[in-house]
């Protein structure tokens, strides 16, 4: 995650940007509807973006040209849906690229696709599944945040493997190596992110109950 500036071949950078763009456009429309329907949730949305910014800024060196860190996107995906997180995640990644030299502009599309699209969709899908199965909210939040984090890194491994296949074993061999290296740092980080997200959600449940009820998080099934 956060593939560094200039690391991907130009055609790959452009391809991932094209793949990410429709999701971001859909996210803008989703946020517009949300603000019209529930303007009181703007502060909660901002808090979700700040949570993702802070967690994903805590980087550890990992695979050459990339790094490991929590993503923080599971919280926003559960609260507002994956489309909204496509926009929030893009904003987070732009600010980190410009202010922290974390990631890059040429690799923005690839980073958005892994952290702001795939991760949130996996997190949201798991959240909905767990709630349908009647699992406690804490368990659902933990699984959504932690496995959404791991999905982000699996996607980054695929992106790097496609860009830099192994000379002998091709894309499959490169994917196995990238994913194995990421796993050393990312599995414990994903577990930590899941636990932290549960704590944050419990805090929000006590101080923002009306907003969470409006978003159908408390007492109802998660919204799409």
C-alpha atoms as a PDB file:
ATOM      1  CA  UNK A   1       0.000   0.000   0.000  1.00  0.00           C
ATOM      2  CA  UNK A   2       1.155   3.517  -0.774  1.00  0.00           C
ATOM      3  CA  UNK A   3       3.281   2.567  -3.759  1.00  0.00           C
ATOM      4  CA  UNK A   4       5.863   5.338  -4.043  1.00  0.00           C
ATOM      5  CA  UNK A   5       6.027   8.071  -6.660  1.00  0.00           C
ATOM      6  CA  UNK A   6       7.247   6.961 -10.082  1.00  0.00           C
ATOM      7  CA  UNK A   7       7.564   3.296  -9.135  1.00  0.00           C
ATOM      8  CA  UNK A   8       4.937   1.863 -11.485  1.00  0.00           C
ATOM      9  CA  UNK A   9       5.352   1.804 -15.269  1.00  0.00           C
ATOM     10  CA  UNK A  10       3.395   4.597 -16.953  1.00  0.00           C
ATOM     11  CA  UNK A  11       0.853   2.268 -18.560  1.00  0.00           C
ATOM     12  CA  UNK A  12       0.111   0.626 -15.204  1.00  0.00           C
ATOM     13  CA  UNK A  13      -0.252   3.973 -13.460  1.00  0.00           C
ATOM     14  CA  UNK A  14      -2.699   5.166 -16.122  1.00  0.00           C
ATOM     15  CA  UNK A  15      -4.617   1.891 -16.071  1.00  0.00           C
ATOM     16  CA  UNK A  16      -5.176   1.948 -12.313  1.00  0.00           C
ATOM     17  CA  UNK A  17      -6.214   5.594 -12.499  1.00  0.00           C
ATOM     18  CA  UNK A  18      -8.812   4.750 -15.128  1.00  0.00           C
ATOM     19  CA  UNK A  19     -10.067   1.830 -13.032  1.00  0.00           C
ATOM     20  CA  UNK A  20     -10.416   3.989  -9.913  1.00  0.00           C
ATOM     21  CA  UNK A  21     -12.069   7.026 -11.499  1.00  0.00           C
ATOM     22  CA  UNK A  22     -15.655   5.625 -11.826  1.00  0.00           C
ATOM     23  CA  UNK A  23     -15.696   4.636  -8.148  1.00  0.00           C
ATOM     24  CA  UNK A  24     -14.601   8.101  -7.072  1.00  0.00           C
ATOM     25  CA  UNK A  25     -17.246   9.747  -9.265  1.00  0.00           C
ATOM     26  CA  UNK A  26     -19.912   7.448  -7.789  1.00  0.00           C
ATOM     27  CA  UNK A  27     -18.627   8.343  -4.322  1.00  0.00           C
ATOM     28  CA  UNK A  28     -19.057  12.062  -4.969  1.00  0.00           C
ATOM     29  CA  UNK A  29     -22.688  11.442  -5.910  1.00  0.00           C
ATOM     30  CA  UNK A  30     -23.177   9.279  -2.816  1.00  0.00           C
ATOM     31  CA  UNK A  31     -21.817  12.025  -0.559  1.00  0.00           C
ATOM     32  CA  UNK A  32     -24.007  14.636  -2.213  1.00  0.00           C
ATOM     33  CA  UNK A  33     -27.099  12.536  -1.455  1.00  0.00           C
ATOM     34  CA  UNK A  34     -25.888  11.890   2.076  1.00  0.00           C
ATOM     35  CA  UNK A  35     -25.415  15.581   2.799  1.00  0.00           C
ATOM     36  CA  UNK A  36     -28.904  16.308   1.489  1.00  0.00           C
ATOM     37  CA  UNK A  37     -30.520  13.523   3.513  1.00  0.00           C
ATOM     38  CA  UNK A  38     -28.476  13.741   6.723  1.00  0.00           C
ATOM     39  CA  UNK A  39     -26.422  16.965   6.962  1.00  0.00           C
ATOM     40  CA  UNK A  40     -25.874  16.313  10.673  1.00  0.00           C
ATOM     41  CA  UNK A  41     -23.465  13.485   9.800  1.00  0.00           C
ATOM     42  CA  UNK A  42     -20.815  15.796   8.293  1.00  0.00           C
ATOM     43  CA  UNK A  43     -18.736  15.883  11.475  1.00  0.00           C
ATOM     44  CA  UNK A  44     -18.845  12.098  11.719  1.00  0.00           C
ATOM     45  CA  UNK A  45     -17.721  11.880   8.090  1.00  0.00           C
ATOM     46  CA  UNK A  46     -14.833  14.245   8.810  1.00  0.00           C
ATOM     47  CA  UNK A  47     -13.849  12.137  11.815  1.00  0.00           C
ATOM     48  CA  UNK A  48     -13.811   9.021   9.622  1.00  0.00           C
ATOM     49  CA  UNK A  49     -11.505  10.760   7.155  1.00  0.00           C
ATOM     50  CA  UNK A  50      -9.206  11.926   9.947  1.00  0.00           C
ATOM     51  CA  UNK A  51      -9.091   8.391  11.364  1.00  0.00           C
ATOM     52  CA  UNK A  52      -8.008   7.019   7.971  1.00  0.00           C
ATOM     53  CA  UNK A  53      -5.441   9.805   7.525  1.00  0.00           C
ATOM     54  CA  UNK A  54      -3.761   9.268  10.885  1.00  0.00           C
ATOM     55  CA  UNK A  55      -3.667   5.462  10.744  1.00  0.00           C
ATOM     56  CA  UNK A  56      -2.480   5.244   7.143  1.00  0.00           C
ATOM     57  CA  UNK A  57       0.276   7.786   7.838  1.00  0.00           C
ATOM     58  CA  UNK A  58       1.921   5.363  10.284  1.00  0.00           C
ATOM     59  CA  UNK A  59       4.105   3.629   7.734  1.00  0.00           C
ATOM     60  CA  UNK A  60       6.624   0.823   8.112  1.00  0.00           C
ATOM     61  CA  UNK A  61       9.060  -0.078   5.288  1.00  0.00           C
ATOM     62  CA  UNK A  62       8.000  -3.305   3.601  1.00  0.00           C
ATOM     63  CA  UNK A  63       8.325  -4.498  -0.008  1.00  0.00           C
ATOM     64  CA  UNK A  64      10.690  -2.407  -2.137  1.00  0.00           C
ATOM     65  CA  UNK A  65       8.738   0.591  -3.405  1.00  0.00           C
ATOM     66  CA  UNK A  66       5.943   0.208  -0.878  1.00  0.00           C
ATOM     67  CA  UNK A  67       5.240   0.165   2.852  1.00  0.00           C
ATOM     68  CA  UNK A  68       2.976  -1.365   5.489  1.00  0.00           C
ATOM     69  CA  UNK A  69       0.543   0.471   7.748  1.00  0.00           C
ATOM     70  CA  UNK A  70      -3.048   0.351   8.971  1.00  0.00           C
ATOM     71  CA  UNK A  71      -5.546   1.834   6.522  1.00  0.00           C
ATOM     72  CA  UNK A  72      -8.318   3.145   8.774  1.00  0.00           C
ATOM     73  CA  UNK A  73     -10.854   2.783   5.960  1.00  0.00           C
ATOM     74  CA  UNK A  74     -12.995   0.108   7.574  1.00  0.00           C
ATOM     75  CA  UNK A  75     -14.606   2.601   9.955  1.00  0.00           C
ATOM     76  CA  UNK A  76     -15.810   4.938   7.209  1.00  0.00           C
ATOM     77  CA  UNK A  77     -16.939   2.028   5.032  1.00  0.00           C
ATOM     78  CA  UNK A  78     -19.156   0.693   7.811  1.00  0.00           C
ATOM     79  CA  UNK A  79     -20.566   4.112   8.683  1.00  0.00           C
ATOM     80  CA  UNK A  80     -21.107   5.587   5.212  1.00  0.00           C
ATOM     81  CA  UNK A  81     -20.662   2.767   2.720  1.00  0.00           C
ATOM     82  CA  UNK A  82     -17.757   1.963   0.379  1.00  0.00           C
ATOM     83  CA  UNK A  83     -18.661   4.602  -2.212  1.00  0.00           C
ATOM     84  CA  UNK A  84     -18.148   7.405   0.287  1.00  0.00           C
ATOM     85  CA  UNK A  85     -14.792   5.936   1.297  1.00  0.00           C
ATOM     86  CA  UNK A  86     -13.599   6.093  -2.304  1.00  0.00           C
ATOM     87  CA  UNK A  87     -13.755   9.880  -1.998  1.00  0.00           C
ATOM     88  CA  UNK A  88     -12.441  10.110   1.562  1.00  0.00           C
ATOM     89  CA  UNK A  89      -9.611   7.700   0.768  1.00  0.00           C
ATOM     90  CA  UNK A  90      -8.643   9.674  -2.323  1.00  0.00           C
ATOM     91  CA  UNK A  91      -8.497  12.905  -0.318  1.00  0.00           C
ATOM     92  CA  UNK A  92      -6.380  11.190   2.334  1.00  0.00           C
ATOM     93  CA  UNK A  93      -3.969   9.825  -0.272  1.00  0.00           C
ATOM     94  CA  UNK A  94      -3.637  13.174  -2.057  1.00  0.00           C
ATOM     95  CA  UNK A  95      -2.791  14.988   1.167  1.00  0.00           C
ATOM     96  CA  UNK A  96      -0.301  12.317   2.194  1.00  0.00           C
ATOM     97  CA  UNK A  97       1.394  12.389  -1.210  1.00  0.00           C
ATOM     98  CA  UNK A  98       1.688  16.190  -1.195  1.00  0.00           C
ATOM     99  CA  UNK A  99       2.437  16.813   2.475  1.00  0.00           C
ATOM    100  CA  UNK A 100       4.179  13.656   3.686  1.00  0.00           C
ATOM    101  CA  UNK A 101       5.788  12.290   0.487  1.00  0.00           C
ATOM    102  CA  UNK A 102       3.842   9.115   1.298  1.00  0.00           C
ATOM    103  CA  UNK A 103       2.715   7.480  -1.916  1.00  0.00           C
ATOM    104  CA  UNK A 104       2.689   9.695  -4.997  1.00  0.00           C
ATOM    105  CA  UNK A 105       0.663  11.454  -7.645  1.00  0.00           C
ATOM    106  CA  UNK A 106       1.601   9.123 -10.510  1.00  0.00           C
ATOM    107  CA  UNK A 107       0.731   6.108  -8.343  1.00  0.00           C
ATOM    108  CA  UNK A 108      -2.394   7.733  -6.871  1.00  0.00           C
ATOM    109  CA  UNK A 109      -4.779   5.656  -8.988  1.00  0.00           C
ATOM    110  CA  UNK A 110      -3.191   2.381  -7.884  1.00  0.00           C
ATOM    111  CA  UNK A 111      -3.151   3.420  -4.233  1.00  0.00           C
ATOM    112  CA  UNK A 112      -6.763   4.603  -4.411  1.00  0.00           C
ATOM    113  CA  UNK A 113      -7.842   1.308  -5.961  1.00  0.00           C
ATOM    114  CA  UNK A 114      -6.276  -0.775  -3.187  1.00  0.00           C
ATOM    115  CA  UNK A 115      -6.930   1.360  -0.096  1.00  0.00           C
ATOM    116  CA  UNK A 116      -9.993   3.442  -0.995  1.00  0.00           C
ATOM    117  CA  UNK A 117     -11.919   0.968  -3.163  1.00  0.00           C
ATOM    118  CA  UNK A 118     -11.074  -2.704  -2.584  1.00  0.00           C
ATOM    119  CA  UNK A 119     -10.453  -2.407   1.163  1.00  0.00           C
ATOM    120  CA  UNK A 120     -13.689  -0.500   1.913  1.00  0.00           C
ATOM    121  CA  UNK A 121     -15.810  -2.788  -0.294  1.00  0.00           C
ATOM    122  CA  UNK A 122     -14.452  -5.871   1.461  1.00  0.00           C
ATOM    123  CA  UNK A 123     -14.941  -4.248   4.869  1.00  0.00           C
ATOM    124  CA  UNK A 124     -18.502  -3.210   4.058  1.00  0.00           C
ATOM    125  CA  UNK A 125     -19.408  -6.605   2.611  1.00  0.00           C
ATOM    126  CA  UNK A 126     -18.124  -8.372   5.711  1.00  0.00           C
ATOM    127  CA  UNK A 127     -19.966  -5.928   7.965  1.00  0.00           C
ATOM    128  CA  UNK A 128     -23.263  -6.591   6.207  1.00  0.00           C
ATOM    129  CA  UNK A 129     -22.689 -10.355   6.208  1.00  0.00           C
ATOM    130  CA  UNK A 130     -21.825 -10.454   9.904  1.00  0.00           C
ATOM    131  CA  UNK A 131     -24.877  -8.392  10.823  1.00  0.00           C
ATOM    132  CA  UNK A 132     -27.145 -10.625   8.739  1.00  0.00           C
ATOM    133  CA  UNK A 133     -25.702 -13.623  10.589  1.00  0.00           C
ATOM    134  CA  UNK A 134     -26.575 -11.944  13.876  1.00  0.00           C
ATOM    135  CA  UNK A 135     -22.997 -11.562  15.108  1.00  0.00           C
ATOM    136  CA  UNK A 136     -22.321  -8.945  17.808  1.00  0.00           C
ATOM    137  CA  UNK A 137     -21.443  -5.502  16.500  1.00  0.00           C
ATOM    138  CA  UNK A 138     -17.933  -5.645  17.993  1.00  0.00           C
ATOM    139  CA  UNK A 139     -17.171  -8.891  16.139  1.00  0.00           C
ATOM    140  CA  UNK A 140     -18.566  -7.498  12.892  1.00  0.00           C
ATOM    141  CA  UNK A 141     -16.516  -4.302  13.205  1.00  0.00           C
ATOM    142  CA  UNK A 142     -13.336  -6.217  14.022  1.00  0.00           C
ATOM    143  CA  UNK A 143     -13.667  -8.555  11.052  1.00  0.00           C
ATOM    144  CA  UNK A 144     -14.622  -5.739   8.684  1.00  0.00           C
ATOM    145  CA  UNK A 145     -11.695  -3.504   9.651  1.00  0.00           C
ATOM    146  CA  UNK A 146      -9.018  -6.191   9.892  1.00  0.00           C
ATOM    147  CA  UNK A 147      -9.926  -8.159   6.764  1.00  0.00           C
ATOM    148  CA  UNK A 148     -10.550  -4.960   4.796  1.00  0.00           C
ATOM    149  CA  UNK A 149      -6.988  -3.977   5.718  1.00  0.00           C
ATOM    150  CA  UNK A 150      -5.628  -7.329   4.526  1.00  0.00           C
ATOM    151  CA  UNK A 151      -7.609  -7.046   1.284  1.00  0.00           C
ATOM    152  CA  UNK A 152      -5.880  -3.734   0.618  1.00  0.00           C
ATOM    153  CA  UNK A 153      -2.477  -5.331   0.907  1.00  0.00           C
ATOM    154  CA  UNK A 154      -3.407  -8.324  -1.192  1.00  0.00           C
ATOM    155  CA  UNK A 155      -4.478  -5.884  -3.906  1.00  0.00           C
ATOM    156  CA  UNK A 156      -1.183  -4.016  -3.625  1.00  0.00           C
ATOM    157  CA  UNK A 157       0.639  -7.346  -3.958  1.00  0.00           C
ATOM    158  CA  UNK A 158      -1.311  -8.043  -7.155  1.00  0.00           C
ATOM    159  CA  UNK A 159      -0.500  -4.583  -8.514  1.00  0.00           C
ATOM    160  CA  UNK A 160       3.219  -5.025  -7.869  1.00  0.00           C
ATOM    161  CA  UNK A 161       3.218  -8.580  -9.217  1.00  0.00           C
ATOM    162  CA  UNK A 162       1.540  -7.504 -12.465  1.00  0.00           C
ATOM    163  CA  UNK A 163       3.994  -4.631 -12.863  1.00  0.00           C
ATOM    164  CA  UNK A 164       7.066  -6.665 -11.931  1.00  0.00           C
ATOM    165  CA  UNK A 165       6.537 -10.385 -12.668  1.00  0.00           C
ATOM    166  CA  UNK A 166       9.182 -12.840 -11.571  1.00  0.00           C
ATOM    167  CA  UNK A 167      11.533 -13.767 -14.459  1.00  0.00           C
ATOM    168  CA  UNK A 168      11.098 -17.470 -13.745  1.00  0.00           C
ATOM    169  CA  UNK A 169       7.624 -17.909 -12.252  1.00  0.00           C
ATOM    170  CA  UNK A 170       5.829 -14.908 -13.731  1.00  0.00           C
ATOM    171  CA  UNK A 171       3.000 -13.000 -12.056  1.00  0.00           C
ATOM    172  CA  UNK A 172       1.966 -15.906  -9.820  1.00  0.00           C
ATOM    173  CA  UNK A 173       5.472 -16.291  -8.413  1.00  0.00           C
ATOM    174  CA  UNK A 174       5.843 -12.561  -7.868  1.00  0.00           C
ATOM    175  CA  UNK A 175       2.444 -12.397  -6.156  1.00  0.00           C
ATOM    176  CA  UNK A 176       3.406 -15.179  -3.772  1.00  0.00           C
ATOM    177  CA  UNK A 177       6.617 -13.381  -2.827  1.00  0.00           C
ATOM    178  CA  UNK A 178       5.060  -9.930  -2.428  1.00  0.00           C
ATOM    179  CA  UNK A 179       2.129 -11.273  -0.389  1.00  0.00           C
ATOM    180  CA  UNK A 180       4.407 -13.362   1.833  1.00  0.00           C
ATOM    181  CA  UNK A 181       6.641 -10.375   2.620  1.00  0.00           C
ATOM    182  CA  UNK A 182       3.653  -8.132   3.331  1.00  0.00           C
ATOM    183  CA  UNK A 183       2.108 -10.757   5.614  1.00  0.00           C
ATOM    184  CA  UNK A 184       4.962 -10.508   8.125  1.00  0.00           C
ATOM    185  CA  UNK A 185       4.084  -6.928   9.021  1.00  0.00           C
ATOM    186  CA  UNK A 186       0.489  -6.659   7.863  1.00  0.00           C
ATOM    187  CA  UNK A 187      -1.246  -9.446   9.754  1.00  0.00           C
ATOM    188  CA  UNK A 188      -0.430  -8.015  13.215  1.00  0.00           C
ATOM    189  CA  UNK A 189      -1.203  -4.500  11.940  1.00  0.00           C
ATOM    190  CA  UNK A 190      -4.588  -5.674  10.652  1.00  0.00           C
ATOM    191  CA  UNK A 191      -5.434  -7.254  13.999  1.00  0.00           C
ATOM    192  CA  UNK A 192      -4.428  -4.041  15.796  1.00  0.00           C
ATOM    193  CA  UNK A 193      -6.514  -1.962  13.402  1.00  0.00           C
ATOM    194  CA  UNK A 194      -9.530  -4.200  13.970  1.00  0.00           C
ATOM    195  CA  UNK A 195      -9.265  -3.835  17.742  1.00  0.00           C
ATOM    196  CA  UNK A 196      -8.759  -0.060  17.555  1.00  0.00           C
ATOM    197  CA  UNK A 197     -11.747   0.320  15.247  1.00  0.00           C
ATOM    198  CA  UNK A 198     -13.927  -1.556  17.752  1.00  0.00           C
ATOM    199  CA  UNK A 199     -12.819   0.871  20.478  1.00  0.00           C
ATOM    200  CA  UNK A 200     -13.550   3.888  18.276  1.00  0.00           C
ATOM    201  CA  UNK A 201     -16.958   2.549  17.278  1.00  0.00           C
ATOM    202  CA  UNK A 202     -17.873   1.915  20.913  1.00  0.00           C
ATOM    203  CA  UNK A 203     -16.885   5.491  21.711  1.00  0.00           C
ATOM    204  CA  UNK A 204     -18.969   6.833  18.841  1.00  0.00           C
ATOM    205  CA  UNK A 205     -21.915   4.750  19.996  1.00  0.00           C
ATOM    206  CA  UNK A 206     -21.867   6.629  23.289  1.00  0.00           C
ATOM    207  CA  UNK A 207     -21.297  10.168  22.005  1.00  0.00           C
ATOM    208  CA  UNK A 208     -22.915  10.112  18.548  1.00  0.00           C
ATOM    209  CA  UNK A 209     -25.870   7.796  19.045  1.00  0.00           C
ATOM    210  CA  UNK A 210     -28.366   9.958  17.086  1.00  0.00           C
ATOM    211  CA  UNK A 211     -26.070  10.103  14.057  1.00  0.00           C
ATOM    212  CA  UNK A 212     -25.350   6.371  14.155  1.00  0.00           C
ATOM    213  CA  UNK A 213     -29.037   5.643  14.443  1.00  0.00           C
ATOM    214  CA  UNK A 214     -29.683   7.927  11.474  1.00  0.00           C
ATOM    215  CA  UNK A 215     -27.074   5.954   9.523  1.00  0.00           C
ATOM    216  CA  UNK A 216     -28.767   2.688  10.548  1.00  0.00           C
ATOM    217  CA  UNK A 217     -25.698   1.431  12.406  1.00  0.00           C
ATOM    218  CA  UNK A 218     -27.363   1.080  15.810  1.00  0.00           C
ATOM    219  CA  UNK A 219     -30.477  -1.007  16.159  1.00  0.00           C
ATOM    220  CA  UNK A 220     -30.765  -1.592  12.418  1.00  0.00           C
ATOM    221  CA  UNK A 221     -28.913  -3.261   9.608  1.00  0.00           C
ATOM    222  CA  UNK A 222     -26.025  -1.371   7.972  1.00  0.00           C
ATOM    223  CA  UNK A 223     -26.972   0.815   5.047  1.00  0.00           C
ATOM    224  CA  UNK A 224     -25.786   0.549   1.457  1.00  0.00           C
END
